[in-house]
Amino acid sequence: MTTKTRVAGFAGLLLTAGHALGAPTLTENFNDNTLDPALWCVFEDAPSIAMVNETNQRLEVSSSGNPGSEGNALIYNCGWALDSTKNFKWRVDFAVSDPGISINGEIGITAACWFGGDGEIGGGPDLTAVAATIGREFSETYFGSEHIANGTTVVENFESPAPLASGTVYFSYQASTDTLTVSAIEYDGADAVAYSGLRAAAGNNTAGIALGGFSAGSPPPFPGSAAWMDNLVINAGTLANPCVADIDGNGALNVDDIESFVALFLGGDLATDCDGSGVLNVDDIECFVAAFLAGCP
């Protein structure tokens, strides 16, 4: 066991607890090679160093090379959030390949579950999150998870050295005990590490998901085929719903929300499943109209 200080950019990434329409579970297979703006926002603090793209029917992280600084590339839930007063479970597949040479730096991928947030990207230090990180530092490999509070890692559970490989990371949250577990076997598996007090620390009843990776130090370039995630599934959970009619999530209701709803509805996007039935029909239109006329809280 060793100690890592990798936070994969989350210390500088304040995520928004967005607004939500939709069924209580969500599946994202990244198969259409285009990030859905109704689901995801992108954070790249140094896009010349680290990038994240939906391509080759998966979410790939790549780097064109690093001159000695750090780059973080992530996607995070945009326009929806999980209700952290209720239990939820989600998982995502991953793969990281050994670049084949001893690297003078660090590369890796990260899946994170964050709590609260003030709606600012890079806007403050108060992020509360649990991140599972798979990577390589210098000639050493590692796999594990960490608890981030107020933008700083406070608890780390990393195995090093560990093989770079493929697998699945499982996040399971128990609302009654405010405890999140992370496992690489199954939900609450034998290897699970538990982190408590997350919702309480955030002071907010929403949780979100962030996926991506990083490059730090001076490692060589690496392609997306060497670091990727796929098949995100929220197996259990309830989507938070502070203002269902605010489709663009800007806190105000106007004609842009109506146009966005119409376009997404006609495109068959379940982001407009206002009544959470899992099917789009006239009930969703009536639900949206009623929500729009009622206004945001």
C-alpha atoms as a PDB file:
ATOM      1  CA  MET A   1       0.000   0.000   0.000  1.00  0.00           C
ATOM      2  CA  THR A   2       1.277   3.428  -0.829  1.00  0.00           C
ATOM      3  CA  THR A   3       0.097   7.028  -0.565  1.00  0.00           C
ATOM      4  CA  LYS A   4      -0.900   9.030  -3.617  1.00  0.00           C
ATOM      5  CA  THR A   5      -1.717  12.686  -3.929  1.00  0.00           C
ATOM      6  CA  ARG A   6      -3.464  12.482  -7.309  1.00  0.00           C
ATOM      7  CA  VAL A   7      -6.801  14.241  -7.312  1.00  0.00           C
ATOM      8  CA  ALA A   8      -7.111  14.302 -11.116  1.00  0.00           C
ATOM      9  CA  GLY A   9      -8.153  17.918 -11.197  1.00  0.00           C
ATOM     10  CA  PHE A  10     -11.070  17.664  -8.778  1.00  0.00           C
ATOM     11  CA  ALA A  11      -9.529  20.109  -6.309  1.00  0.00           C
ATOM     12  CA  GLY A  12      -9.967  22.767  -8.973  1.00  0.00           C
ATOM     13  CA  LEU A  13     -13.263  21.525 -10.367  1.00  0.00           C
ATOM     14  CA  LEU A  14     -16.471  22.677  -8.686  1.00  0.00           C
ATOM     15  CA  LEU A  15     -19.380  20.871 -10.319  1.00  0.00           C
ATOM     16  CA  THR A  16     -22.967  22.022 -10.524  1.00  0.00           C
ATOM     17  CA  ALA A  17     -25.860  20.165  -8.992  1.00  0.00           C
ATOM     18  CA  GLY A  18     -27.848  20.782 -12.226  1.00  0.00           C
ATOM     19  CA  HIS A  19     -31.512  20.307 -12.988  1.00  0.00           C
ATOM     20  CA  ALA A  20     -33.092  17.118 -14.151  1.00  0.00           C
ATOM     21  CA  LEU A  21     -35.743  15.565 -16.279  1.00  0.00           C
ATOM     22  CA  GLY A  22     -35.878  11.855 -16.767  1.00  0.00           C
ATOM     23  CA  ALA A  23     -36.321   8.349 -15.455  1.00  0.00           C
ATOM     24  CA  PRO A  24     -34.717   7.315 -12.144  1.00  0.00           C
ATOM     25  CA  THR A  25     -31.986   5.300 -13.881  1.00  0.00           C
ATOM     26  CA  LEU A  26     -29.652   6.194 -16.715  1.00  0.00           C
ATOM     27  CA  THR A  27     -27.461   4.304 -19.191  1.00  0.00           C
ATOM     28  CA  GLU A  28     -24.718   5.908 -21.293  1.00  0.00           C
ATOM     29  CA  ASN A  29     -22.855   3.630 -23.688  1.00  0.00           C
ATOM     30  CA  PHE A  30     -21.077   6.467 -25.573  1.00  0.00           C
ATOM     31  CA  ASN A  31     -21.933   4.699 -28.833  1.00  0.00           C
ATOM     32  CA  ASP A  32     -22.895   7.670 -30.991  1.00  0.00           C
ATOM     33  CA  ASN A  33     -19.408   9.266 -30.806  1.00  0.00           C
ATOM     34  CA  THR A  34     -20.851  12.630 -29.735  1.00  0.00           C
ATOM     35  CA  LEU A  35     -21.157  13.828 -26.156  1.00  0.00           C
ATOM     36  CA  ASP A  36     -24.810  14.586 -25.437  1.00  0.00           C
ATOM     37  CA  PRO A  37     -25.002  18.221 -24.196  1.00  0.00           C
ATOM     38  CA  ALA A  38     -28.241  17.342 -22.394  1.00  0.00           C
ATOM     39  CA  LEU A  39     -26.253  14.929 -20.200  1.00  0.00           C
ATOM     40  CA  TRP A  40     -22.629  16.083 -20.060  1.00  0.00           C
ATOM     41  CA  CYS A  41     -20.491  19.159 -19.635  1.00  0.00           C
ATOM     42  CA  VAL A  42     -16.753  19.091 -20.371  1.00  0.00           C
ATOM     43  CA  PHE A  43     -13.900  20.372 -18.205  1.00  0.00           C
ATOM     44  CA  GLU A  44     -10.403  20.578 -19.741  1.00  0.00           C
ATOM     45  CA  ASP A  45      -8.079  22.878 -17.805  1.00  0.00           C
ATOM     46  CA  ALA A  46      -5.210  22.371 -20.275  1.00  0.00           C
ATOM     47  CA  PRO A  47      -6.664  21.008 -23.542  1.00  0.00           C
ATOM     48  CA  SER A  48      -3.256  21.075 -25.216  1.00  0.00           C
ATOM     49  CA  ILE A  49      -2.117  18.514 -22.620  1.00  0.00           C
ATOM     50  CA  ALA A  50      -5.110  16.315 -21.757  1.00  0.00           C
ATOM     51  CA  MET A  51      -8.306  15.780 -23.725  1.00  0.00           C
ATOM     52  CA  VAL A  52     -11.481  13.757 -23.312  1.00  0.00           C
ATOM     53  CA  ASN A  53     -13.599  12.708 -26.297  1.00  0.00           C
ATOM     54  CA  GLU A  54     -16.459  10.387 -27.067  1.00  0.00           C
ATOM     55  CA  THR A  55     -15.030   8.406 -29.959  1.00  0.00           C
ATOM     56  CA  ASN A  56     -14.697   4.778 -31.095  1.00  0.00           C
ATOM     57  CA  GLN A  57     -17.954   4.148 -29.185  1.00  0.00           C
ATOM     58  CA  ARG A  58     -16.398   4.914 -25.798  1.00  0.00           C
ATOM     59  CA  LEU A  59     -15.061   7.821 -23.732  1.00  0.00           C
ATOM     60  CA  GLU A  60     -11.332   8.202 -24.441  1.00  0.00           C
ATOM     61  CA  VAL A  61      -8.691  10.224 -22.592  1.00  0.00           C
ATOM     62  CA  SER A  62      -5.564  11.221 -24.502  1.00  0.00           C
ATOM     63  CA  SER A  63      -2.521  13.451 -24.250  1.00  0.00           C
ATOM     64  CA  SER A  64      -0.382  14.985 -26.950  1.00  0.00           C
ATOM     65  CA  GLY A  65       2.568  15.132 -24.573  1.00  0.00           C
ATOM     66  CA  ASN A  66       3.334  17.043 -21.423  1.00  0.00           C
ATOM     67  CA  PRO A  67       6.049  19.685 -20.972  1.00  0.00           C
ATOM     68  CA  GLY A  68       6.132  19.269 -17.203  1.00  0.00           C
ATOM     69  CA  SER A  69       2.820  20.767 -16.145  1.00  0.00           C
ATOM     70  CA  GLU A  70      -0.549  19.139 -15.475  1.00  0.00           C
ATOM     71  CA  GLY A  71      -3.649  18.630 -17.577  1.00  0.00           C
ATOM     72  CA  ASN A  72      -7.038  17.307 -16.473  1.00  0.00           C
ATOM     73  CA  ALA A  73      -9.876  16.318 -18.781  1.00  0.00           C
ATOM     74  CA  LEU A  74     -13.301  15.335 -17.458  1.00  0.00           C
ATOM     75  CA  ILE A  75     -16.953  15.104 -18.347  1.00  0.00           C
ATOM     76  CA  TYR A  76     -19.542  15.615 -15.600  1.00  0.00           C
ATOM     77  CA  ASN A  77     -23.313  15.441 -15.269  1.00  0.00           C
ATOM     78  CA  CYS A  78     -24.880  18.510 -16.816  1.00  0.00           C
ATOM     79  CA  GLY A  79     -28.591  19.219 -16.463  1.00  0.00           C
ATOM     80  CA  TRP A  80     -29.219  16.331 -14.061  1.00  0.00           C
ATOM     81  CA  ALA A  81     -28.126  15.066 -10.662  1.00  0.00           C
ATOM     82  CA  LEU A  82     -28.735  12.198  -8.262  1.00  0.00           C
ATOM     83  CA  ASP A  83     -30.833  12.706  -5.130  1.00  0.00           C
ATOM     84  CA  SER A  84     -28.427  11.923  -2.291  1.00  0.00           C
ATOM     85  CA  THR A  85     -31.238  11.609   0.268  1.00  0.00           C
ATOM     86  CA  LYS A  86     -31.939   8.244  -1.412  1.00  0.00           C
ATOM     87  CA  ASN A  87     -29.790   5.209  -2.170  1.00  0.00           C
ATOM     88  CA  PHE A  88     -28.055   4.987  -5.532  1.00  0.00           C
ATOM     89  CA  LYS A  89     -25.672   2.679  -7.388  1.00  0.00           C
ATOM     90  CA  TRP A  90     -23.636   3.268 -10.521  1.00  0.00           C
ATOM     91  CA  ARG A  91     -20.796   1.564 -12.360  1.00  0.00           C
ATOM     92  CA  VAL A  92     -18.511   2.204 -15.321  1.00  0.00           C
ATOM     93  CA  ASP A  93     -16.109   0.022 -17.311  1.00  0.00           C
ATOM     94  CA  PHE A  94     -12.491   1.129 -17.761  1.00  0.00           C
ATOM     95  CA  ALA A  95      -9.254   0.175 -19.473  1.00  0.00           C
ATOM     96  CA  VAL A  96      -5.726   1.541 -19.148  1.00  0.00           C
ATOM     97  CA  SER A  97      -2.826   0.151 -21.159  1.00  0.00           C
ATOM     98  CA  ASP A  98       0.835   0.301 -20.199  1.00  0.00           C
ATOM     99  CA  PRO A  99       2.449   2.735 -22.659  1.00  0.00           C
ATOM    100  CA  GLY A 100       5.369   0.312 -22.853  1.00  0.00           C
ATOM    101  CA  ILE A 101       8.137   2.597 -21.633  1.00  0.00           C
ATOM    102  CA  SER A 102       9.275   3.980 -18.303  1.00  0.00           C
ATOM    103  CA  ILE A 103       7.545   7.342 -18.031  1.00  0.00           C
ATOM    104  CA  ASN A 104       8.851  10.410 -16.245  1.00  0.00           C
ATOM    105  CA  GLY A 105       5.531  11.588 -14.928  1.00  0.00           C
ATOM    106  CA  GLU A 106       2.012  10.346 -14.291  1.00  0.00           C
ATOM    107  CA  ILE A 107      -0.987   9.370 -16.417  1.00  0.00           C
ATOM    108  CA  GLY A 108      -4.296   7.815 -15.516  1.00  0.00           C
ATOM    109  CA  ILE A 109      -8.074   7.789 -15.599  1.00  0.00           C
ATOM    110  CA  THR A 110     -10.560   8.729 -12.893  1.00  0.00           C
ATOM    111  CA  ALA A 111     -14.200   7.958 -12.104  1.00  0.00           C
ATOM    112  CA  ALA A 112     -15.646  10.124  -9.348  1.00  0.00           C
ATOM    113  CA  CYS A 113     -18.838  10.577  -7.383  1.00  0.00           C
ATOM    114  CA  TRP A 114     -19.143  14.129  -6.067  1.00  0.00           C
ATOM    115  CA  PHE A 115     -21.552  15.705  -3.584  1.00  0.00           C
ATOM    116  CA  GLY A 116     -22.902  19.254  -3.588  1.00  0.00           C
ATOM    117  CA  GLY A 117     -21.076  22.002  -5.442  1.00  0.00           C
ATOM    118  CA  ASP A 118     -21.807  25.675  -6.036  1.00  0.00           C
ATOM    119  CA  GLY A 119     -22.287  25.593  -9.797  1.00  0.00           C
ATOM    120  CA  GLU A 120     -18.850  26.967 -10.597  1.00  0.00           C
ATOM    121  CA  ILE A 121     -16.149  25.239 -12.635  1.00  0.00           C
ATOM    122  CA  GLY A 122     -12.845  26.001 -10.971  1.00  0.00           C
ATOM    123  CA  GLY A 123     -14.709  28.463  -8.786  1.00  0.00           C
ATOM    124  CA  GLY A 124     -13.872  27.356  -5.268  1.00  0.00           C
ATOM    125  CA  PRO A 125     -12.185  24.875  -2.930  1.00  0.00           C
ATOM    126  CA  ASP A 126     -15.197  23.216  -1.291  1.00  0.00           C
ATOM    127  CA  LEU A 127     -15.569  20.085  -3.435  1.00  0.00           C
ATOM    128  CA  THR A 128     -16.576  16.873  -1.662  1.00  0.00           C
ATOM    129  CA  ALA A 129     -16.004  13.719  -3.709  1.00  0.00           C
ATOM    130  CA  VAL A 130     -14.818  10.134  -3.818  1.00  0.00           C
ATOM    131  CA  ALA A 131     -12.625   9.265  -6.792  1.00  0.00           C
ATOM    132  CA  ALA A 132     -11.429   5.901  -8.085  1.00  0.00           C
ATOM    133  CA  THR A 133      -8.141   6.362  -9.947  1.00  0.00           C
ATOM    134  CA  ILE A 134      -6.235   3.922 -12.131  1.00  0.00           C
ATOM    135  CA  GLY A 135      -2.841   5.083 -13.347  1.00  0.00           C
ATOM    136  CA  ARG A 136       0.922   4.920 -13.672  1.00  0.00           C
ATOM    137  CA  GLU A 137       3.443   7.140 -11.922  1.00  0.00           C
ATOM    138  CA  PHE A 138       7.039   6.972 -13.164  1.00  0.00           C
ATOM    139  CA  SER A 139       7.672   3.201 -13.389  1.00  0.00           C
ATOM    140  CA  GLU A 140       4.999   2.297 -10.822  1.00  0.00           C
ATOM    141  CA  THR A 141       1.363   1.390 -11.403  1.00  0.00           C
ATOM    142  CA  TYR A 142      -1.484   1.972  -8.964  1.00  0.00           C
ATOM    143  CA  PHE A 143      -5.210   1.469  -8.446  1.00  0.00           C
ATOM    144  CA  GLY A 144      -7.396   2.776  -5.664  1.00  0.00           C
ATOM    145  CA  SER A 145      -9.756   5.407  -4.335  1.00  0.00           C
ATOM    146  CA  GLU A 146      -9.620   8.602  -2.353  1.00  0.00           C
ATOM    147  CA  HIS A 147     -11.918  10.911  -0.400  1.00  0.00           C
ATOM    148  CA  ILE A 148     -11.637  14.592  -1.308  1.00  0.00           C
ATOM    149  CA  ALA A 149     -13.018  17.221   1.088  1.00  0.00           C
ATOM    150  CA  ASN A 150     -12.771  20.981   0.640  1.00  0.00           C
ATOM    151  CA  GLY A 151     -10.685  20.345  -2.470  1.00  0.00           C
ATOM    152  CA  THR A 152      -8.037  18.333  -0.567  1.00  0.00           C
ATOM    153  CA  THR A 153      -7.478  14.595  -0.384  1.00  0.00           C
ATOM    154  CA  VAL A 154      -8.066  13.484   3.198  1.00  0.00           C
ATOM    155  CA  VAL A 155      -8.220   9.672   2.921  1.00  0.00           C
ATOM    156  CA  GLU A 156      -6.423   7.475   0.383  1.00  0.00           C
ATOM    157  CA  ASN A 157      -6.667   3.753  -0.265  1.00  0.00           C
ATOM    158  CA  PHE A 158      -4.251   2.939  -3.077  1.00  0.00           C
ATOM    159  CA  GLU A 159      -2.618  -0.338  -4.010  1.00  0.00           C
ATOM    160  CA  SER A 160       0.786   0.042  -5.589  1.00  0.00           C
ATOM    161  CA  PRO A 161       2.271  -1.512  -7.570  1.00  0.00           C
ATOM    162  CA  ALA A 162      -0.845  -2.826  -9.305  1.00  0.00           C
ATOM    163  CA  PRO A 163      -1.421  -4.051 -12.834  1.00  0.00           C
ATOM    164  CA  LEU A 164      -2.830  -1.664 -15.405  1.00  0.00           C
ATOM    165  CA  ALA A 165      -5.772  -3.535 -16.802  1.00  0.00           C
ATOM    166  CA  SER A 166      -9.441  -3.396 -17.664  1.00  0.00           C
ATOM    167  CA  GLY A 167     -12.403  -3.839 -15.388  1.00  0.00           C
ATOM    168  CA  THR A 168     -15.352  -2.109 -13.775  1.00  0.00           C
ATOM    169  CA  VAL A 169     -15.593   0.339 -10.871  1.00  0.00           C
ATOM    170  CA  TYR A 170     -18.720   0.183  -8.707  1.00  0.00           C
ATOM    171  CA  PHE A 171     -20.075   3.042  -6.555  1.00  0.00           C
ATOM    172  CA  SER A 172     -22.846   2.302  -4.033  1.00  0.00           C
ATOM    173  CA  TYR A 173     -24.408   4.904  -1.719  1.00  0.00           C
ATOM    174  CA  GLN A 174     -26.505   4.299   1.420  1.00  0.00           C
ATOM    175  CA  ALA A 175     -28.424   7.464   2.238  1.00  0.00           C
ATOM    176  CA  SER A 176     -29.417   6.398   5.770  1.00  0.00           C
ATOM    177  CA  THR A 177     -25.763   6.201   6.855  1.00  0.00           C
ATOM    178  CA  ASP A 178     -24.446   8.787   4.350  1.00  0.00           C
ATOM    179  CA  THR A 179     -21.847   6.226   3.222  1.00  0.00           C
ATOM    180  CA  LEU A 180     -20.400   5.572  -0.238  1.00  0.00           C
ATOM    181  CA  THR A 181     -18.497   2.374  -1.058  1.00  0.00           C
ATOM    182  CA  VAL A 182     -16.153   1.791  -4.002  1.00  0.00           C
ATOM    183  CA  SER A 183     -15.331  -1.665  -5.338  1.00  0.00           C
ATOM    184  CA  ALA A 184     -13.601  -3.176  -8.368  1.00  0.00           C
ATOM    185  CA  ILE A 185     -15.488  -6.494  -7.965  1.00  0.00           C
ATOM    186  CA  GLU A 186     -19.192  -5.730  -7.541  1.00  0.00           C
ATOM    187  CA  TYR A 187     -21.454  -3.411  -5.611  1.00  0.00           C
ATOM    188  CA  ASP A 188     -20.264  -3.552  -1.985  1.00  0.00           C
ATOM    189  CA  GLY A 189     -17.784  -6.259  -2.972  1.00  0.00           C
ATOM    190  CA  ALA A 190     -15.260  -7.910  -0.675  1.00  0.00           C
ATOM    191  CA  ASP A 191     -12.673  -5.270  -1.634  1.00  0.00           C
ATOM    192  CA  ALA A 192     -15.031  -2.332  -1.010  1.00  0.00           C
ATOM    193  CA  VAL A 193     -13.701   0.792   0.693  1.00  0.00           C
ATOM    194  CA  ALA A 194     -16.276   2.912   2.558  1.00  0.00           C
ATOM    195  CA  TYR A 195     -16.353   6.710   2.889  1.00  0.00           C
ATOM    196  CA  SER A 196     -18.836   8.413   5.217  1.00  0.00           C
ATOM    197  CA  GLY A 197     -20.281  11.856   5.880  1.00  0.00           C
ATOM    198  CA  LEU A 198     -20.271  13.008   2.260  1.00  0.00           C
ATOM    199  CA  ARG A 199     -23.743  14.542   1.992  1.00  0.00           C
ATOM    200  CA  ALA A 200     -23.360  16.091   5.439  1.00  0.00           C
ATOM    201  CA  ALA A 201     -20.037  17.674   4.470  1.00  0.00           C
ATOM    202  CA  ALA A 202     -21.411  18.996   1.184  1.00  0.00           C
ATOM    203  CA  GLY A 203     -24.480  20.555   2.795  1.00  0.00           C
ATOM    204  CA  ASN A 204     -26.407  19.665  -0.342  1.00  0.00           C
ATOM    205  CA  ASN A 205     -28.802  16.853  -1.277  1.00  0.00           C
ATOM    206  CA  THR A 206     -27.454  16.135  -4.752  1.00  0.00           C
ATOM    207  CA  ALA A 207     -24.676  13.949  -6.076  1.00  0.00           C
ATOM    208  CA  GLY A 208     -23.059  13.706  -9.492  1.00  0.00           C
ATOM    209  CA  ILE A 209     -20.696  11.722 -11.680  1.00  0.00           C
ATOM    210  CA  ALA A 210     -17.433  12.758 -13.350  1.00  0.00           C
ATOM    211  CA  LEU A 211     -15.333  10.641 -15.732  1.00  0.00           C
ATOM    212  CA  GLY A 212     -11.992  11.419 -17.367  1.00  0.00           C
ATOM    213  CA  GLY A 213      -8.270  11.403 -16.798  1.00  0.00           C
ATOM    214  CA  PHE A 214      -5.050  13.335 -16.426  1.00  0.00           C
ATOM    215  CA  SER A 215      -1.426  13.795 -17.427  1.00  0.00           C
ATOM    216  CA  ALA A 216       1.136  15.272 -15.020  1.00  0.00           C
ATOM    217  CA  GLY A 217       4.887  15.711 -14.907  1.00  0.00           C
ATOM    218  CA  SER A 218       6.585  14.856 -18.193  1.00  0.00           C
ATOM    219  CA  PRO A 219       5.138  11.608 -19.539  1.00  0.00           C
ATOM    220  CA  PRO A 220       5.120  10.883 -23.282  1.00  0.00           C
ATOM    221  CA  PRO A 221       1.985  11.319 -25.406  1.00  0.00           C
ATOM    222  CA  PHE A 222      -0.630   8.596 -25.049  1.00  0.00           C
ATOM    223  CA  PRO A 223      -3.603   7.827 -27.330  1.00  0.00           C
ATOM    224  CA  GLY A 224      -7.226   7.364 -26.374  1.00  0.00           C
ATOM    225  CA  SER A 225      -6.888   3.682 -27.216  1.00  0.00           C
ATOM    226  CA  ALA A 226      -4.668   3.421 -24.112  1.00  0.00           C
ATOM    227  CA  ALA A 227      -7.070   5.046 -21.623  1.00  0.00           C
ATOM    228  CA  TRP A 228     -10.846   4.896 -21.845  1.00  0.00           C
ATOM    229  CA  MET A 229     -14.169   4.353 -20.067  1.00  0.00           C
ATOM    230  CA  ASP A 230     -17.424   2.868 -21.312  1.00  0.00           C
ATOM    231  CA  ASN A 231     -20.875   1.543 -20.400  1.00  0.00           C
ATOM    232  CA  LEU A 232     -21.884   3.842 -17.570  1.00  0.00           C
ATOM    233  CA  VAL A 233     -24.996   2.507 -15.839  1.00  0.00           C
ATOM    234  CA  ILE A 234     -26.937   3.972 -12.926  1.00  0.00           C
ATOM    235  CA  ASN A 235     -28.533   0.774 -11.659  1.00  0.00           C
ATOM    236  CA  ALA A 236     -30.474   2.394  -8.828  1.00  0.00           C
ATOM    237  CA  GLY A 237     -31.227   5.946  -7.827  1.00  0.00           C
ATOM    238  CA  THR A 238     -33.569   8.888  -8.127  1.00  0.00           C
ATOM    239  CA  LEU A 239     -32.820  11.947 -10.184  1.00  0.00           C
ATOM    240  CA  ALA A 240     -32.957  15.236  -8.326  1.00  0.00           C
ATOM    241  CA  ASN A 241     -35.569  17.574  -9.717  1.00  0.00           C
ATOM    242  CA  PRO A 242     -35.276  21.154  -8.451  1.00  0.00           C
ATOM    243  CA  CYS A 243     -36.854  22.711 -11.545  1.00  0.00           C
ATOM    244  CA  VAL A 244     -37.897  20.313 -14.280  1.00  0.00           C
ATOM    245  CA  ALA A 245     -38.674  23.011 -16.840  1.00  0.00           C
ATOM    246  CA  ASP A 246     -35.245  24.668 -16.695  1.00  0.00           C
ATOM    247  CA  ILE A 247     -33.860  22.550 -19.533  1.00  0.00           C
ATOM    248  CA  ASP A 248     -30.696  24.588 -20.048  1.00  0.00           C
ATOM    249  CA  GLY A 249     -30.017  24.720 -16.299  1.00  0.00           C
ATOM    250  CA  ASN A 250     -29.374  28.471 -16.120  1.00  0.00           C
ATOM    251  CA  GLY A 251     -31.804  29.073 -13.264  1.00  0.00           C
ATOM    252  CA  ALA A 252     -34.321  31.025 -15.380  1.00  0.00           C
ATOM    253  CA  LEU A 253     -37.309  29.935 -17.464  1.00  0.00           C
ATOM    254  CA  ASN A 254     -37.610  31.441 -20.929  1.00  0.00           C
ATOM    255  CA  VAL A 255     -38.200  30.603 -24.588  1.00  0.00           C
ATOM    256  CA  ASP A 256     -34.813  28.846 -24.783  1.00  0.00           C
ATOM    257  CA  ASP A 257     -36.117  26.157 -22.427  1.00  0.00           C
ATOM    258  CA  ILE A 258     -39.213  25.647 -24.574  1.00  0.00           C
ATOM    259  CA  GLU A 259     -37.164  25.358 -27.771  1.00  0.00           C
ATOM    260  CA  SER A 260     -34.722  22.965 -26.094  1.00  0.00           C
ATOM    261  CA  PHE A 261     -37.553  20.781 -24.820  1.00  0.00           C
ATOM    262  CA  VAL A 262     -39.217  20.615 -28.235  1.00  0.00           C
ATOM    263  CA  ALA A 263     -35.966  19.742 -30.029  1.00  0.00           C
ATOM    264  CA  LEU A 264     -35.020  17.043 -27.509  1.00  0.00           C
ATOM    265  CA  PHE A 265     -38.555  15.617 -27.400  1.00  0.00           C
ATOM    266  CA  LEU A 266     -38.793  15.374 -31.195  1.00  0.00           C
ATOM    267  CA  GLY A 267     -35.365  13.736 -31.206  1.00  0.00           C
ATOM    268  CA  GLY A 268     -36.600  11.055 -28.807  1.00  0.00           C
ATOM    269  CA  ASP A 269     -34.262  12.133 -26.035  1.00  0.00           C
ATOM    270  CA  LEU A 270     -35.272  10.708 -22.641  1.00  0.00           C
ATOM    271  CA  ALA A 271     -34.004  13.911 -21.058  1.00  0.00           C
ATOM    272  CA  THR A 272     -37.583  15.102 -21.782  1.00  0.00           C
ATOM    273  CA  ASP A 273     -39.210  12.171 -19.962  1.00  0.00           C
ATOM    274  CA  CYS A 274     -40.757  14.665 -17.542  1.00  0.00           C
ATOM    275  CA  ASP A 275     -42.994  12.176 -15.710  1.00  0.00           C
ATOM    276  CA  GLY A 276     -40.220   9.572 -15.386  1.00  0.00           C
ATOM    277  CA  SER A 277     -42.248   6.826 -17.052  1.00  0.00           C
ATOM    278  CA  GLY A 278     -39.427   5.763 -19.372  1.00  0.00           C
ATOM    279  CA  VAL A 279     -41.538   6.592 -22.469  1.00  0.00           C
ATOM    280  CA  LEU A 280     -42.054   9.854 -24.310  1.00  0.00           C
ATOM    281  CA  ASN A 281     -45.668  10.823 -24.930  1.00  0.00           C
ATOM    282  CA  VAL A 282     -48.199  13.622 -24.478  1.00  0.00           C
ATOM    283  CA  ASP A 283     -48.007  13.207 -20.696  1.00  0.00           C
ATOM    284  CA  ASP A 284     -44.434  14.509 -20.799  1.00  0.00           C
ATOM    285  CA  ILE A 285     -45.523  17.571 -22.773  1.00  0.00           C
ATOM    286  CA  GLU A 286     -48.287  18.298 -20.249  1.00  0.00           C
ATOM    287  CA  CYS A 287     -45.820  17.727 -17.389  1.00  0.00           C
ATOM    288  CA  PHE A 288     -43.346  20.180 -18.920  1.00  0.00           C
ATOM    289  CA  VAL A 289     -46.012  22.841 -19.587  1.00  0.00           C
ATOM    290  CA  ALA A 290     -47.282  22.589 -16.007  1.00  0.00           C
ATOM    291  CA  ALA A 291     -43.748  22.847 -14.624  1.00  0.00           C
ATOM    292  CA  PHE A 292     -42.942  25.815 -16.855  1.00  0.00           C
ATOM    293  CA  LEU A 293     -46.067  27.704 -15.819  1.00  0.00           C
ATOM    294  CA  ALA A 294     -45.383  26.929 -12.142  1.00  0.00           C
ATOM    295  CA  GLY A 295     -41.920  28.465 -12.411  1.00  0.00           C
ATOM    296  CA  CYS A 296     -38.710  27.535 -10.595  1.00  0.00           C
ATOM    297  CA  PRO A 297     -38.567  27.445  -6.790  1.00  0.00           C
END
